[in-house]
N, C-alpha and C. Protein backbone atom coordinates (compact mmCIF):
# COMPACT_ATOMS: atom_id res chain seq x y z
N UNK A 1 0.84 -1.18 -0.02
CA UNK A 1 -0.01 0.00 -0.01
C UNK A 1 0.90 1.24 0.01
N UNK A 2 0.53 2.24 -0.75
CA UNK A 2 1.35 3.45 -0.87
C UNK A 2 1.01 4.42 0.24
N UNK A 3 1.94 5.34 0.47
CA UNK A 3 1.69 6.38 1.46
C UNK A 3 0.48 7.22 1.08
N UNK A 4 0.32 7.45 -0.21
CA UNK A 4 -0.81 8.22 -0.70
C UNK A 4 -2.12 7.50 -0.34
N UNK A 5 -2.17 6.20 -0.53
CA UNK A 5 -3.34 5.43 -0.18
C UNK A 5 -3.62 5.43 1.32
N UNK A 6 -2.56 5.59 2.09
CA UNK A 6 -2.72 5.70 3.54
C UNK A 6 -3.07 7.13 3.95
N UNK A 7 -3.27 7.98 2.96
CA UNK A 7 -3.70 9.38 3.11
C UNK A 7 -2.62 10.30 3.68
N UNK A 8 -1.38 10.02 3.31
CA UNK A 8 -0.34 11.00 3.64
C UNK A 8 -0.32 12.04 2.50
N UNK A 9 -0.57 13.30 2.83
CA UNK A 9 -0.83 14.30 1.77
C UNK A 9 0.41 14.85 1.08
N UNK A 10 1.58 14.74 1.66
CA UNK A 10 2.75 15.41 1.12
C UNK A 10 3.47 14.49 0.10
N UNK A 11 3.25 14.78 -1.18
CA UNK A 11 3.81 13.94 -2.24
C UNK A 11 5.33 13.99 -2.26
N UNK A 12 5.92 15.10 -1.89
CA UNK A 12 7.39 15.18 -1.87
C UNK A 12 7.93 14.21 -0.83
N UNK A 13 7.35 14.22 0.37
CA UNK A 13 7.76 13.25 1.41
C UNK A 13 7.57 11.82 0.88
N UNK A 14 6.45 11.57 0.25
CA UNK A 14 6.18 10.23 -0.26
C UNK A 14 7.22 9.77 -1.29
N UNK A 15 7.57 10.65 -2.18
CA UNK A 15 8.56 10.32 -3.21
C UNK A 15 9.93 10.10 -2.59
N UNK A 16 10.35 11.03 -1.74
CA UNK A 16 11.67 10.90 -1.09
C UNK A 16 11.75 9.65 -0.22
N UNK A 17 10.68 9.34 0.48
CA UNK A 17 10.64 8.14 1.30
C UNK A 17 10.82 6.90 0.41
N UNK A 18 10.10 6.85 -0.68
CA UNK A 18 10.19 5.69 -1.58
C UNK A 18 11.60 5.53 -2.14
N UNK A 19 12.21 6.63 -2.54
CA UNK A 19 13.58 6.59 -3.08
C UNK A 19 14.55 6.11 -2.00
N UNK A 20 14.43 6.67 -0.81
CA UNK A 20 15.33 6.29 0.30
C UNK A 20 15.15 4.82 0.67
N UNK A 21 13.93 4.37 0.72
CA UNK A 21 13.63 2.98 1.09
C UNK A 21 14.19 2.03 0.04
N UNK A 22 13.93 2.30 -1.19
CA UNK A 22 14.35 1.43 -2.30
C UNK A 22 15.86 1.37 -2.45
N UNK A 23 16.53 2.48 -2.17
CA UNK A 23 17.98 2.57 -2.40
C UNK A 23 18.79 2.45 -1.12
N UNK A 24 18.13 2.09 -0.02
CA UNK A 24 18.81 1.91 1.26
C UNK A 24 19.62 3.18 1.62
N UNK A 25 18.95 4.32 1.59
CA UNK A 25 19.56 5.62 1.85
C UNK A 25 18.92 6.25 3.07
N UNK A 26 19.62 7.24 3.63
CA UNK A 26 19.02 8.03 4.69
C UNK A 26 18.14 9.11 4.06
N UNK A 27 17.14 9.51 4.80
CA UNK A 27 16.27 10.63 4.41
C UNK A 27 16.38 11.72 5.50
N UNK A 28 16.98 12.82 5.17
CA UNK A 28 17.17 13.93 6.08
C UNK A 28 15.87 14.71 6.22
N UNK A 29 15.33 14.76 7.45
CA UNK A 29 14.07 15.46 7.66
C UNK A 29 13.93 15.86 9.13
N UNK A 30 13.23 16.96 9.32
CA UNK A 30 12.87 17.37 10.68
C UNK A 30 11.38 17.18 10.91
N UNK A 31 10.69 16.56 9.97
CA UNK A 31 9.26 16.41 9.99
C UNK A 31 8.83 15.30 10.95
N UNK A 32 8.55 15.68 12.18
CA UNK A 32 8.12 14.68 13.17
C UNK A 32 6.74 14.10 12.88
N UNK A 33 5.91 14.88 12.23
CA UNK A 33 4.59 14.36 11.85
C UNK A 33 4.72 13.21 10.86
N UNK A 34 5.67 13.35 9.93
CA UNK A 34 5.89 12.28 8.96
C UNK A 34 6.43 11.02 9.66
N UNK A 35 7.38 11.22 10.55
CA UNK A 35 7.93 10.06 11.29
C UNK A 35 6.80 9.37 12.09
N UNK A 36 5.95 10.17 12.74
CA UNK A 36 4.85 9.61 13.52
C UNK A 36 3.84 8.90 12.62
N UNK A 37 3.61 9.45 11.44
CA UNK A 37 2.73 8.81 10.46
C UNK A 37 3.24 7.42 10.10
N UNK A 38 4.54 7.33 9.84
CA UNK A 38 5.14 6.06 9.49
C UNK A 38 5.05 5.07 10.64
N UNK A 39 5.31 5.53 11.84
CA UNK A 39 5.21 4.69 13.03
C UNK A 39 3.77 4.16 13.19
N UNK A 40 2.81 5.06 13.05
CA UNK A 40 1.41 4.72 13.20
C UNK A 40 0.98 3.62 12.25
N UNK A 41 1.56 3.62 11.07
CA UNK A 41 1.19 2.63 10.03
C UNK A 41 2.19 1.47 9.97
N UNK A 42 3.02 1.37 11.00
CA UNK A 42 4.01 0.26 11.09
C UNK A 42 4.91 0.18 9.84
N UNK A 43 5.33 1.33 9.37
CA UNK A 43 6.23 1.38 8.21
C UNK A 43 7.65 1.68 8.71
N UNK A 44 8.61 1.28 7.91
CA UNK A 44 10.01 1.49 8.29
C UNK A 44 10.31 2.99 8.35
N UNK A 45 10.93 3.40 9.44
CA UNK A 45 11.24 4.84 9.58
C UNK A 45 12.66 5.05 10.10
N UNK A 46 13.44 3.99 10.30
CA UNK A 46 14.76 4.17 10.86
C UNK A 46 15.75 4.83 9.89
N UNK A 47 15.37 5.02 8.63
CA UNK A 47 16.25 5.72 7.72
C UNK A 47 16.04 7.24 7.75
N UNK A 48 15.03 7.67 8.48
CA UNK A 48 14.80 9.10 8.66
C UNK A 48 15.79 9.61 9.72
N UNK A 49 16.55 10.63 9.37
CA UNK A 49 17.51 11.18 10.33
C UNK A 49 17.39 12.69 10.35
N UNK A 50 17.73 13.27 11.46
CA UNK A 50 17.77 14.72 11.61
C UNK A 50 19.17 15.20 11.22
N UNK A 51 19.30 16.49 11.11
CA UNK A 51 20.62 17.05 10.78
C UNK A 51 21.63 16.76 11.89
N UNK A 52 21.15 16.71 13.14
CA UNK A 52 22.05 16.40 14.26
C UNK A 52 22.57 14.95 14.16
N UNK A 53 21.69 14.03 13.79
CA UNK A 53 22.11 12.65 13.61
C UNK A 53 23.09 12.52 12.46
N UNK A 54 22.85 13.30 11.41
CA UNK A 54 23.75 13.29 10.25
C UNK A 54 25.13 13.80 10.64
N UNK A 55 25.16 14.89 11.37
CA UNK A 55 26.47 15.44 11.85
C UNK A 55 27.20 14.40 12.69
N UNK A 56 26.48 13.69 13.54
CA UNK A 56 27.10 12.66 14.34
C UNK A 56 27.69 11.54 13.50
N UNK A 57 27.00 11.16 12.45
CA UNK A 57 27.51 10.12 11.55
C UNK A 57 28.75 10.61 10.81
N UNK A 58 28.76 11.88 10.42
CA UNK A 58 29.92 12.44 9.71
C UNK A 58 31.11 12.48 10.65
N UNK A 59 30.91 12.92 11.87
CA UNK A 59 32.01 12.99 12.84
C UNK A 59 32.59 11.60 13.10
N UNK A 60 31.75 10.62 13.27
CA UNK A 60 32.24 9.24 13.49
C UNK A 60 32.97 8.73 12.26
N UNK A 61 32.53 9.09 11.09
CA UNK A 61 33.19 8.66 9.87
C UNK A 61 34.57 9.31 9.75
N UNK A 62 34.68 10.57 10.17
CA UNK A 62 35.97 11.27 10.14
C UNK A 62 36.99 10.56 11.03
N UNK A 63 36.56 10.10 12.20
CA UNK A 63 37.46 9.42 13.11
C UNK A 63 37.92 8.08 12.53
N UNK A 64 37.06 7.43 11.78
CA UNK A 64 37.40 6.13 11.20
C UNK A 64 38.44 6.26 10.10
N UNK A 65 38.50 7.43 9.47
CA UNK A 65 39.43 7.57 8.34
C UNK A 65 40.86 7.82 8.78
N UNK A 66 41.10 8.05 10.07
CA UNK A 66 42.47 8.31 10.52
C UNK A 66 43.17 7.06 10.95
């Protein structure tokens, strides 16, 4: 079932979510409503990250390269 069929109105979120899910990518977002929508419908949401989480991943990656 698509996000649109589940009545999520933001098509940009829907498209970006689909791309991230299909390509095993992170989706950078601050949209807590979207995250809660995914949780409510038991959909995968662990690829959604905030800018703070992204910065943490970048910092950890920098340490690994030394």
